[in-house]
Every structure is written in C-alpha cells, then in structure tokens.
PDB file of N, CA and C in Angstrom:
ATOM      1  N   MET A   1       0.845  -1.175   0.000  1.00  0.00           N
ATOM      2  CA  MET A   1       0.000   0.000   0.000  1.00  0.00           C
ATOM      3  C   MET A   1       0.891   1.237   0.000  1.00  0.00           C
ATOM      4  N   THR A   2       0.361   2.301  -0.525  1.00  0.00           N
ATOM      5  CA  THR A   2       1.106   3.555  -0.547  1.00  0.00           C
ATOM      6  C   THR A   2       0.821   4.358   0.719  1.00  0.00           C
ATOM      7  N   VAL A   3       1.633   5.379   0.940  1.00  0.00           N
ATOM      8  CA  VAL A   3       1.438   6.264   2.091  1.00  0.00           C
ATOM      9  C   VAL A   3       0.044   6.884   2.030  1.00  0.00           C
ATOM     10  N   GLU A   4      -0.368   7.292   0.830  1.00  0.00           N
ATOM     11  CA  GLU A   4      -1.682   7.936   0.658  1.00  0.00           C
ATOM     12  C   GLU A   4      -2.815   6.983   1.019  1.00  0.00           C
ATOM     13  N   GLN A   5      -2.706   5.715   0.611  1.00  0.00           N
ATOM     14  CA  GLN A   5      -3.749   4.742   0.934  1.00  0.00           C
ATOM     15  C   GLN A   5      -3.834   4.513   2.446  1.00  0.00           C
ATOM     16  N   ILE A   6      -2.692   4.422   3.093  1.00  0.00           N
ATOM     17  CA  ILE A   6      -2.667   4.204   4.543  1.00  0.00           C
ATOM     18  C   ILE A   6      -3.212   5.424   5.268  1.00  0.00           C
ATOM     19  N   GLU A   7      -2.802   6.626   4.848  1.00  0.00           N
ATOM     20  CA  GLU A   7      -3.322   7.845   5.468  1.00  0.00           C
ATOM     21  C   GLU A   7      -4.820   7.981   5.255  1.00  0.00           C
ATOM     22  N   THR A   8      -5.314   7.590   4.081  1.00  0.00           N
ATOM     23  CA  THR A   8      -6.751   7.639   3.816  1.00  0.00           C
ATOM     24  C   THR A   8      -7.490   6.721   4.772  1.00  0.00           C
ATOM     25  N   PHE A   9      -6.969   5.511   4.994  1.00  0.00           N
ATOM     26  CA  PHE A   9      -7.592   4.587   5.942  1.00  0.00           C
ATOM     27  C   PHE A   9      -7.616   5.197   7.339  1.00  0.00           C
ATOM     28  N   LEU A  10      -6.472   5.743   7.773  1.00  0.00           N
ATOM     29  CA  LEU A  10      -6.383   6.310   9.123  1.00  0.00           C
ATOM     30  C   LEU A  10      -7.301   7.518   9.281  1.00  0.00           C
ATOM     31  N   ALA A  11      -7.465   8.315   8.216  1.00  0.00           N
ATOM     32  CA  ALA A  11      -8.333   9.493   8.289  1.00  0.00           C
ATOM     33  C   ALA A  11      -9.807   9.097   8.209  1.00  0.00           C
ATOM     34  N   LYS A  12     -10.112   8.108   7.368  1.00  0.00           N
ATOM     35  CA  LYS A  12     -11.504   7.704   7.155  1.00  0.00           C
ATOM     36  C   LYS A  12     -12.060   6.950   8.353  1.00  0.00           C
ATOM     37  N   GLU A  13     -11.275   6.059   8.901  1.00  0.00           N
ATOM     38  CA  GLU A  13     -11.705   5.261  10.046  1.00  0.00           C
ATOM     39  C   GLU A  13     -11.485   6.067  11.320  1.00  0.00           C
ATOM     40  N   THR A  14     -12.538   6.254  12.066  1.00  0.00           N
ATOM     41  CA  THR A  14     -12.352   6.872  13.374  1.00  0.00           C
ATOM     42  C   THR A  14     -11.924   5.734  14.280  1.00  0.00           C
ATOM     43  N   ILE A  15     -10.676   5.739  14.660  1.00  0.00           N
ATOM     44  CA  ILE A  15     -10.143   4.630  15.436  1.00  0.00           C
ATOM     45  C   ILE A  15     -10.257   4.977  16.916  1.00  0.00           C
ATOM     46  N   PRO A  16     -11.237   4.378  17.593  1.00  0.00           N
ATOM     47  CA  PRO A  16     -11.403   4.673  19.017  1.00  0.00           C
ATOM     48  C   PRO A  16     -10.195   4.211  19.831  1.00  0.00           C
ATOM     49  N   GLN A  17     -10.034   4.812  20.979  1.00  0.00           N
ATOM     50  CA  GLN A  17      -8.937   4.440  21.891  1.00  0.00           C
ATOM     51  C   GLN A  17      -8.991   2.945  22.157  1.00  0.00           C
ATOM     52  N   GLY A  18      -7.873   2.281  22.020  1.00  0.00           N
ATOM     53  CA  GLY A  18      -7.808   0.860  22.318  1.00  0.00           C
ATOM     54  C   GLY A  18      -8.231  -0.051  21.184  1.00  0.00           C
ATOM     55  N   LYS A  19      -8.664   0.490  20.051  1.00  0.00           N
ATOM     56  CA  LYS A  19      -9.038  -0.361  18.923  1.00  0.00           C
ATOM     57  C   LYS A  19      -7.788  -0.812  18.199  1.00  0.00           C
ATOM     58  N   ILE A  20      -7.795  -2.037  17.804  1.00  0.00           N
ATOM     59  CA  ILE A  20      -6.657  -2.663  17.147  1.00  0.00           C
ATOM     60  C   ILE A  20      -6.885  -2.667  15.634  1.00  0.00           C
ATOM     61  N   ILE A  21      -5.809  -2.468  14.886  1.00  0.00           N
ATOM     62  CA  ILE A  21      -5.862  -2.545  13.429  1.00  0.00           C
ATOM     63  C   ILE A  21      -5.268  -3.878  13.009  1.00  0.00           C
ATOM     64  N   ARG A  22      -5.905  -4.514  12.043  1.00  0.00           N
ATOM     65  CA  ARG A  22      -5.374  -5.753  11.467  1.00  0.00           C
ATOM     66  C   ARG A  22      -4.624  -5.372  10.194  1.00  0.00           C
ATOM     67  N   PHE A  23      -3.342  -5.664  10.171  1.00  0.00           N
ATOM     68  CA  PHE A  23      -2.488  -5.385   9.026  1.00  0.00           C
ATOM     69  C   PHE A  23      -2.289  -6.702   8.276  1.00  0.00           C
ATOM     70  N   GLU A  24      -2.957  -6.843   7.135  1.00  0.00           N
ATOM     71  CA  GLU A  24      -2.749  -8.039   6.328  1.00  0.00           C
ATOM     72  C   GLU A  24      -1.548  -7.772   5.442  1.00  0.00           C
ATOM     73  N   LEU A  25      -0.571  -8.668   5.528  1.00  0.00           N
ATOM     74  CA  LEU A  25       0.680  -8.497   4.804  1.00  0.00           C
ATOM     75  C   LEU A  25       0.717  -9.401   3.581  1.00  0.00           C
ATOM     76  N   LYS A  26       1.467  -8.975   2.573  1.00  0.00           N
ATOM     77  CA  LYS A  26       1.520  -9.720   1.315  1.00  0.00           C
ATOM     78  C   LYS A  26       2.220 -11.064   1.454  1.00  0.00           C
ATOM     79  N   LYS A  27       3.312 -11.109   2.216  1.00  0.00           N
ATOM     80  CA  LYS A  27       4.126 -12.327   2.251  1.00  0.00           C
ATOM     81  C   LYS A  27       4.224 -12.985   3.626  1.00  0.00           C
ATOM     82  N   ARG A  28       3.483 -12.459   4.603  1.00  0.00           N
ATOM     83  CA  ARG A  28       3.544 -13.014   5.960  1.00  0.00           C
ATOM     84  C   ARG A  28       2.149 -13.085   6.548  1.00  0.00           C
ATOM     85  N   ASP A  29       2.055 -13.708   7.709  1.00  0.00           N
ATOM     86  CA  ASP A  29       0.774 -13.773   8.408  1.00  0.00           C
ATOM     87  C   ASP A  29       0.360 -12.370   8.851  1.00  0.00           C
ATOM     88  N   PRO A  30      -0.944 -12.135   9.013  1.00  0.00           N
ATOM     89  CA  PRO A  30      -1.413 -10.809   9.458  1.00  0.00           C
ATOM     90  C   PRO A  30      -0.877 -10.451  10.837  1.00  0.00           C
ATOM     91  N   VAL A  31      -0.775  -9.159  11.073  1.00  0.00           N
ATOM     92  CA  VAL A  31      -0.312  -8.622  12.349  1.00  0.00           C
ATOM     93  C   VAL A  31      -1.421  -7.736  12.883  1.00  0.00           C
ATOM     94  N   ARG A  32      -1.655  -7.813  14.190  1.00  0.00           N
ATOM     95  CA  ARG A  32      -2.631  -6.924  14.838  1.00  0.00           C
ATOM     96  C   ARG A  32      -1.884  -5.992  15.760  1.00  0.00           C
ATOM     97  N   GLY A  33      -2.269  -4.721  15.739  1.00  0.00           N
ATOM     98  CA  GLY A  33      -1.607  -3.757  16.605  1.00  0.00           C
ATOM     99  C   GLY A  33      -2.083  -2.347  16.327  1.00  0.00           C
ATOM    100  N   ILE A  34      -1.312  -1.391  16.818  1.00  0.00           N
ATOM    101  CA  ILE A  34      -1.637   0.016  16.610  1.00  0.00           C
ATOM    102  C   ILE A  34      -0.411   0.734  16.052  1.00  0.00           C
ATOM    103  N   ILE A  35      -0.657   1.775  15.267  1.00  0.00           N
ATOM    104  CA  ILE A  35       0.418   2.623  14.767  1.00  0.00           C
ATOM    105  C   ILE A  35       0.709   3.668  15.831  1.00  0.00           C
ATOM    106  N   VAL A  36       1.972   3.796  16.202  1.00  0.00           N
ATOM    107  CA  VAL A  36       2.352   4.783  17.208  1.00  0.00           C
ATOM    108  C   VAL A  36       3.158   5.890  16.543  1.00  0.00           C
ATOM    109  N   GLN A  37       3.038   7.083  17.114  1.00  0.00           N
ATOM    110  CA  GLN A  37       3.724   8.242  16.563  1.00  0.00           C
ATOM    111  C   GLN A  37       4.865   8.642  17.489  1.00  0.00           C
ATOM    112  N   GLY A  38       6.053   8.183  17.142  1.00  0.00           N
ATOM    113  CA  GLY A  38       7.247   8.562  17.888  1.00  0.00           C
ATOM    114  C   GLY A  38       7.839   9.844  17.320  1.00  0.00           C
ATOM    115  N   ARG A  39       9.031  10.183  17.803  1.00  0.00           N
ATOM    116  CA  ARG A  39       9.710  11.388  17.323  1.00  0.00           C
ATOM    117  C   ARG A  39       9.957  11.360  15.817  1.00  0.00           C
ATOM    118  N   ASP A  40      10.166  10.165  15.294  1.00  0.00           N
ATOM    119  CA  ASP A  40      10.523  10.017  13.890  1.00  0.00           C
ATOM    120  C   ASP A  40       9.327   9.669  13.002  1.00  0.00           C
ATOM    121  N   TYR A  41       8.121   9.892  13.463  1.00  0.00           N
ATOM    122  CA  TYR A  41       6.912   9.508  12.725  1.00  0.00           C
ATOM    123  C   TYR A  41       6.894  10.107  11.320  1.00  0.00           C
ATOM    124  N   GLN A  42       7.120  11.421  11.211  1.00  0.00           N
ATOM    125  CA  GLN A  42       7.055  12.081   9.904  1.00  0.00           C
ATOM    126  C   GLN A  42       8.141  11.560   8.958  1.00  0.00           C
ATOM    127  N   GLU A  43       9.331  11.346   9.498  1.00  0.00           N
ATOM    128  CA  GLU A  43      10.438  10.837   8.684  1.00  0.00           C
ATOM    129  C   GLU A  43      10.135   9.425   8.178  1.00  0.00           C
ATOM    130  N   LEU A  44       9.640   8.570   9.063  1.00  0.00           N
ATOM    131  CA  LEU A  44       9.288   7.206   8.666  1.00  0.00           C
ATOM    132  C   LEU A  44       8.149   7.210   7.653  1.00  0.00           C
ATOM    133  N   LYS A  45       7.135   8.020   7.909  1.00  0.00           N
ATOM    134  CA  LYS A  45       5.981   8.078   7.016  1.00  0.00           C
ATOM    135  C   LYS A  45       6.390   8.521   5.622  1.00  0.00           C
ATOM    136  N   ALA A  46       7.325   9.450   5.531  1.00  0.00           N
ATOM    137  CA  ALA A  46       7.793   9.924   4.225  1.00  0.00           C
ATOM    138  C   ALA A  46       8.409   8.793   3.409  1.00  0.00           C
ATOM    139  N   LYS A  47       8.946   7.789   4.099  1.00  0.00           N
ATOM    140  CA  LYS A  47       9.569   6.641   3.430  1.00  0.00           C
ATOM    141  C   LYS A  47       8.637   5.430   3.379  1.00  0.00           C
ATOM    142  N   ASN A  48       7.373   5.615   3.795  1.00  0.00           N
ATOM    143  CA  ASN A  48       6.353   4.563   3.849  1.00  0.00           C
ATOM    144  C   ASN A  48       6.739   3.448   4.815  1.00  0.00           C
ATOM    145  N   PHE A  49       7.257   3.849   5.971  1.00  0.00           N
ATOM    146  CA  PHE A  49       7.506   2.924   7.071  1.00  0.00           C
ATOM    147  C   PHE A  49       6.611   3.328   8.231  1.00  0.00           C
ATOM    148  N   TRP A  50       6.157   2.324   8.986  1.00  0.00           N
ATOM    149  CA  TRP A  50       5.193   2.569  10.058  1.00  0.00           C
ATOM    150  C   TRP A  50       5.619   1.814  11.306  1.00  0.00           C
ATOM    151  N   ARG A  51       5.645   2.524  12.437  1.00  0.00           N
ATOM    152  CA  ARG A  51       6.012   1.912  13.715  1.00  0.00           C
ATOM    153  C   ARG A  51       4.729   1.355  14.338  1.00  0.00           C
ATOM    154  N   ILE A  52       4.731   0.038  14.553  1.00  0.00           N
ATOM    155  CA  ILE A  52       3.534  -0.654  15.040  1.00  0.00           C
ATOM    156  C   ILE A  52       3.855  -1.390  16.335  1.00  0.00           C
ATOM    157  N   VAL A  53       3.018  -1.179  17.336  1.00  0.00           N
ATOM    158  CA  VAL A  53       3.084  -1.982  18.565  1.00  0.00           C
ATOM    159  C   VAL A  53       2.086  -3.111  18.366  1.00  0.00           C
ATOM    160  N   THR A  54       2.587  -4.332  18.376  1.00  0.00           N
ATOM    161  CA  THR A  54       1.710  -5.479  18.148  1.00  0.00           C
ATOM    162  C   THR A  54       0.816  -5.711  19.362  1.00  0.00           C
ATOM    163  N   GLN A  55      -0.261  -6.427  19.126  1.00  0.00           N
ATOM    164  CA  GLN A  55      -1.249  -6.671  20.177  1.00  0.00           C
ATOM    165  C   GLN A  55      -0.600  -7.345  21.391  1.00  0.00           C
ATOM    166  N   LYS A  56       0.375  -8.211  21.148  1.00  0.00           N
ATOM    167  CA  LYS A  56       1.059  -8.919  22.241  1.00  0.00           C
ATOM    168  C   LYS A  56       1.802  -7.938  23.148  1.00  0.00           C
ATOM    169  N   ASN A  57       2.381  -6.887  22.578  1.00  0.00           N
ATOM    170  CA  ASN A  57       3.166  -5.915  23.345  1.00  0.00           C
ATOM    171  C   ASN A  57       2.362  -4.699  23.786  1.00  0.00           C
ATOM    172  N   LEU A  58       1.091  -4.665  23.443  1.00  0.00           N
ATOM    173  CA  LEU A  58       0.253  -3.501  23.739  1.00  0.00           C
ATOM    174  C   LEU A  58       0.115  -3.191  25.228  1.00  0.00           C
ATOM    175  N   PRO A  59      -0.103  -4.172  26.115  1.00  0.00           N
ATOM    176  CA  PRO A  59      -0.216  -3.841  27.545  1.00  0.00           C
ATOM    177  C   PRO A  59       1.036  -3.148  28.091  1.00  0.00           C
ATOM    178  N   ALA A  60       2.210  -3.610  27.694  1.00  0.00           N
ATOM    179  CA  ALA A  60       3.456  -2.983  28.159  1.00  0.00           C
ATOM    180  C   ALA A  60       3.574  -1.560  27.621  1.00  0.00           C
ATOM    181  N   TYR A  61       3.188  -1.358  26.366  1.00  0.00           N
ATOM    182  CA  TYR A  61       3.247  -0.021  25.767  1.00  0.00           C
ATOM    183  C   TYR A  61       2.272   0.926  26.470  1.00  0.00           C
ATOM    184  N   GLN A  62       1.058   0.446  26.762  1.00  0.00           N
ATOM    185  CA  GLN A  62       0.060   1.304  27.392  1.00  0.00           C
ATOM    186  C   GLN A  62       0.468   1.716  28.802  1.00  0.00           C
ATOM    187  N   LYS A  63       1.220   0.874  29.495  1.00  0.00           N
ATOM    188  CA  LYS A  63       1.681   1.217  30.840  1.00  0.00           C
ATOM    189  C   LYS A  63       2.787   2.259  30.809  1.00  0.00           C
ATOM    190  N   SER A  64       3.711   2.109  29.869  1.00  0.00           N
ATOM    191  CA  SER A  64       4.911   2.945  29.899  1.00  0.00           C
ATOM    192  C   SER A  64       5.009   3.982  28.787  1.00  0.00           C
ATOM    193  N   ASN A  65       4.211   3.846  27.714  1.00  0.00           N
ATOM    194  CA  ASN A  65       4.319   4.685  26.520  1.00  0.00           C
ATOM    195  C   ASN A  65       5.726   4.650  25.925  1.00  0.00           C
ATOM    196  N   ASP A  66       6.450   3.576  26.184  1.00  0.00           N
ATOM    197  CA  ASP A  66       7.780   3.366  25.639  1.00  0.00           C
ATOM    198  C   ASP A  66       7.633   2.694  24.279  1.00  0.00           C
ATOM    199  N   ILE A  67       8.219   3.282  23.232  1.00  0.00           N
ATOM    200  CA  ILE A  67       8.042   2.722  21.892  1.00  0.00           C
ATOM    201  C   ILE A  67       9.043   1.613  21.570  1.00  0.00           C
ATOM    202  N   ASN A  68       9.866   1.216  22.527  1.00  0.00           N
ATOM    203  CA  ASN A  68      10.842   0.160  22.269  1.00  0.00           C
ATOM    204  C   ASN A  68      10.225  -1.178  21.858  1.00  0.00           C
ATOM    205  N   PRO A  69       9.041  -1.563  22.375  1.00  0.00           N
ATOM    206  CA  PRO A  69       8.480  -2.839  21.907  1.00  0.00           C
ATOM    207  C   PRO A  69       7.882  -2.751  20.497  1.00  0.00           C
ATOM    208  N   ALA A  70       7.859  -1.560  19.900  1.00  0.00           N
ATOM    209  CA  ALA A  70       7.287  -1.394  18.564  1.00  0.00           C
ATOM    210  C   ALA A  70       8.241  -1.953  17.506  1.00  0.00           C
ATOM    211  N   ARG A  71       7.645  -2.371  16.402  1.00  0.00           N
ATOM    212  CA  ARG A  71       8.412  -2.833  15.253  1.00  0.00           C
ATOM    213  C   ARG A  71       8.080  -1.946  14.067  1.00  0.00           C
ATOM    214  N   ILE A  72       9.037  -1.814  13.168  1.00  0.00           N
ATOM    215  CA  ILE A  72       8.827  -0.981  11.984  1.00  0.00           C
ATOM    216  C   ILE A  72       8.491  -1.888  10.810  1.00  0.00           C
ATOM    217  N   PHE A  73       7.392  -1.543  10.132  1.00  0.00           N
ATOM    218  CA  PHE A  73       6.937  -2.297   8.971  1.00  0.00           C
ATOM    219  C   PHE A  73       6.931  -1.385   7.755  1.00  0.00           C
ATOM    220  N   ALA A  74       7.206  -1.962   6.602  1.00  0.00           N
ATOM    221  CA  ALA A  74       7.127  -1.216   5.343  1.00  0.00           C
ATOM    222  C   ALA A  74       5.680  -1.215   4.874  1.00  0.00           C
ATOM    223  N   GLY A  75       5.172  -0.036   4.557  1.00  0.00           N
ATOM    224  CA  GLY A  75       3.801   0.072   4.074  1.00  0.00           C
ATOM    225  C   GLY A  75       3.588  -0.672   2.767  1.00  0.00           C
ATOM    226  N   SER A  76       4.639  -0.827   1.978  1.00  0.00           N
ATOM    227  CA  SER A  76       4.518  -1.544   0.705  1.00  0.00           C
ATOM    228  C   SER A  76       4.227  -3.027   0.924  1.00  0.00           C
ATOM    229  N   ASP A  77       4.469  -3.543   2.134  1.00  0.00           N
ATOM    230  CA  ASP A  77       4.161  -4.940   2.459  1.00  0.00           C
ATOM    231  C   ASP A  77       2.708  -5.139   2.878  1.00  0.00           C
ATOM    232  N   PHE A  78       1.977  -4.047   3.136  1.00  0.00           N
ATOM    233  CA  PHE A  78       0.583  -4.159   3.552  1.00  0.00           C
ATOM    234  C   PHE A  78      -0.287  -4.500   2.345  1.00  0.00           C
ATOM    235  N   ALA A  79      -1.183  -5.460   2.512  1.00  0.00           N
ATOM    236  CA  ALA A  79      -2.153  -5.792   1.473  1.00  0.00           C
ATOM    237  C   ALA A  79      -3.503  -5.152   1.785  1.00  0.00           C
ATOM    238  N   LYS A  80      -3.855  -5.104   3.089  1.00  0.00           N
ATOM    239  CA  LYS A  80      -5.159  -4.571   3.493  1.00  0.00           C
ATOM    240  C   LYS A  80      -5.098  -4.175   4.961  1.00  0.00           C
ATOM    241  N   LEU A  81      -5.836  -3.127   5.317  1.00  0.00           N
ATOM    242  CA  LEU A  81      -5.968  -2.699   6.709  1.00  0.00           C
ATOM    243  C   LEU A  81      -7.436  -2.773   7.091  1.00  0.00           C
ATOM    244  N   SER A  82      -7.700  -3.208   8.316  1.00  0.00           N
ATOM    245  CA  SER A  82      -9.084  -3.227   8.807  1.00  0.00           C
ATOM    246  C   SER A  82      -9.059  -3.130  10.327  1.00  0.00           C
ATOM    247  N   LEU A  83     -10.172  -2.662  10.876  1.00  0.00           N
ATOM    248  CA  LEU A  83     -10.303  -2.570  12.326  1.00  0.00           C
ATOM    249  C   LEU A  83     -10.719  -3.917  12.893  1.00  0.00           C
ATOM    250  N   VAL A  84     -10.158  -4.267  14.029  1.00  0.00           N
ATOM    251  CA  VAL A  84     -10.539  -5.490  14.728  1.00  0.00           C
ATOM    252  C   VAL A  84     -11.722  -5.135  15.605  1.00  0.00           C
ATOM    253  N   THR A  85     -12.771  -5.935  15.537  1.00  0.00           N
ATOM    254  CA  THR A  85     -13.995  -5.592  16.254  1.00  0.00           C
ATOM    255  C   THR A  85     -13.957  -5.943  17.730  1.00  0.00           C
ATOM    256  N   ASN A  86     -13.191  -6.961  18.114  1.00  0.00           N
ATOM    257  CA  ASN A  86     -13.177  -7.324  19.536  1.00  0.00           C
ATOM    258  C   ASN A  86     -12.067  -6.575  20.259  1.00  0.00           C
ATOM    259  N   LYS A  87     -12.198  -6.459  21.576  1.00  0.00           N
ATOM    260  CA  LYS A  87     -11.204  -5.744  22.384  1.00  0.00           C
ATOM    261  C   LYS A  87      -9.961  -6.606  22.538  1.00  0.00           C
ATOM    262  N   PRO A  88      -8.795  -5.969  22.651  1.00  0.00           N
ATOM    263  CA  PRO A  88      -7.578  -6.753  22.855  1.00  0.00           C
ATOM    264  C   PRO A  88      -7.603  -7.439  24.209  1.00  0.00           C
ATOM    265  N   GLU A  89      -6.952  -8.594  24.274  1.00  0.00           N
ATOM    266  CA  GLU A  89      -6.893  -9.305  25.538  1.00  0.00           C
ATOM    267  C   GLU A  89      -5.940  -8.606  26.478  1.00  0.00           C
ATOM    268  N   GLU A  90      -6.333  -8.511  27.722  1.00  0.00           N
ATOM    269  CA  GLU A  90      -5.471  -7.843  28.719  1.00  0.00           C
ATOM    270  C   GLU A  90      -5.106  -8.791  29.795  1.00  0.00           C
TER     271      GLU A  90
END
C-alpha cells in the first residue's frame, strides 16, 4: 500500500482508543496492533515505514508509553488494513 492509501484509511476510520488494526501483509501472516507516533513519525511516514506496537506488546506499551516494543513495517508490504472488532486481551 502507498502512504496515501494508509493515510486515507487512518483518516476515514475513526479509530477509538484501544481499537486494534489488522495489518494483512503480502508475504507473511497478518499482524494486529496500533500505529504509534514517535519522534521520527514524519520521517518514517515519508519513506512509507510505520512503527507498530503489536497486540502482544500492547499492555506494556500502554503502561509505559515506551516505543521500544514497537516494530517498523514497510507500508509496501501491507495488502489490506481493517479494524478489529473485539477488544484486545489484557
């Protein structure tokens, strides 16, 4: 997906607090998580890279707001984005 397609999804979908996004990838299994905006968000976005905290690491991120458990994904690897309807496990 392109930066514009991802931004359109993020702008169109009102993502409530705590809602998880499902990132379907072209060559790997889907990933669930949230996009976080660190200091380098604009720089990464310009290159179509996105910092994602996966659902597994979400409780630790929510406690500390530390972006270290986040992973960087290339937007070009995304096939589809969608909101997960159920709440993340805590």
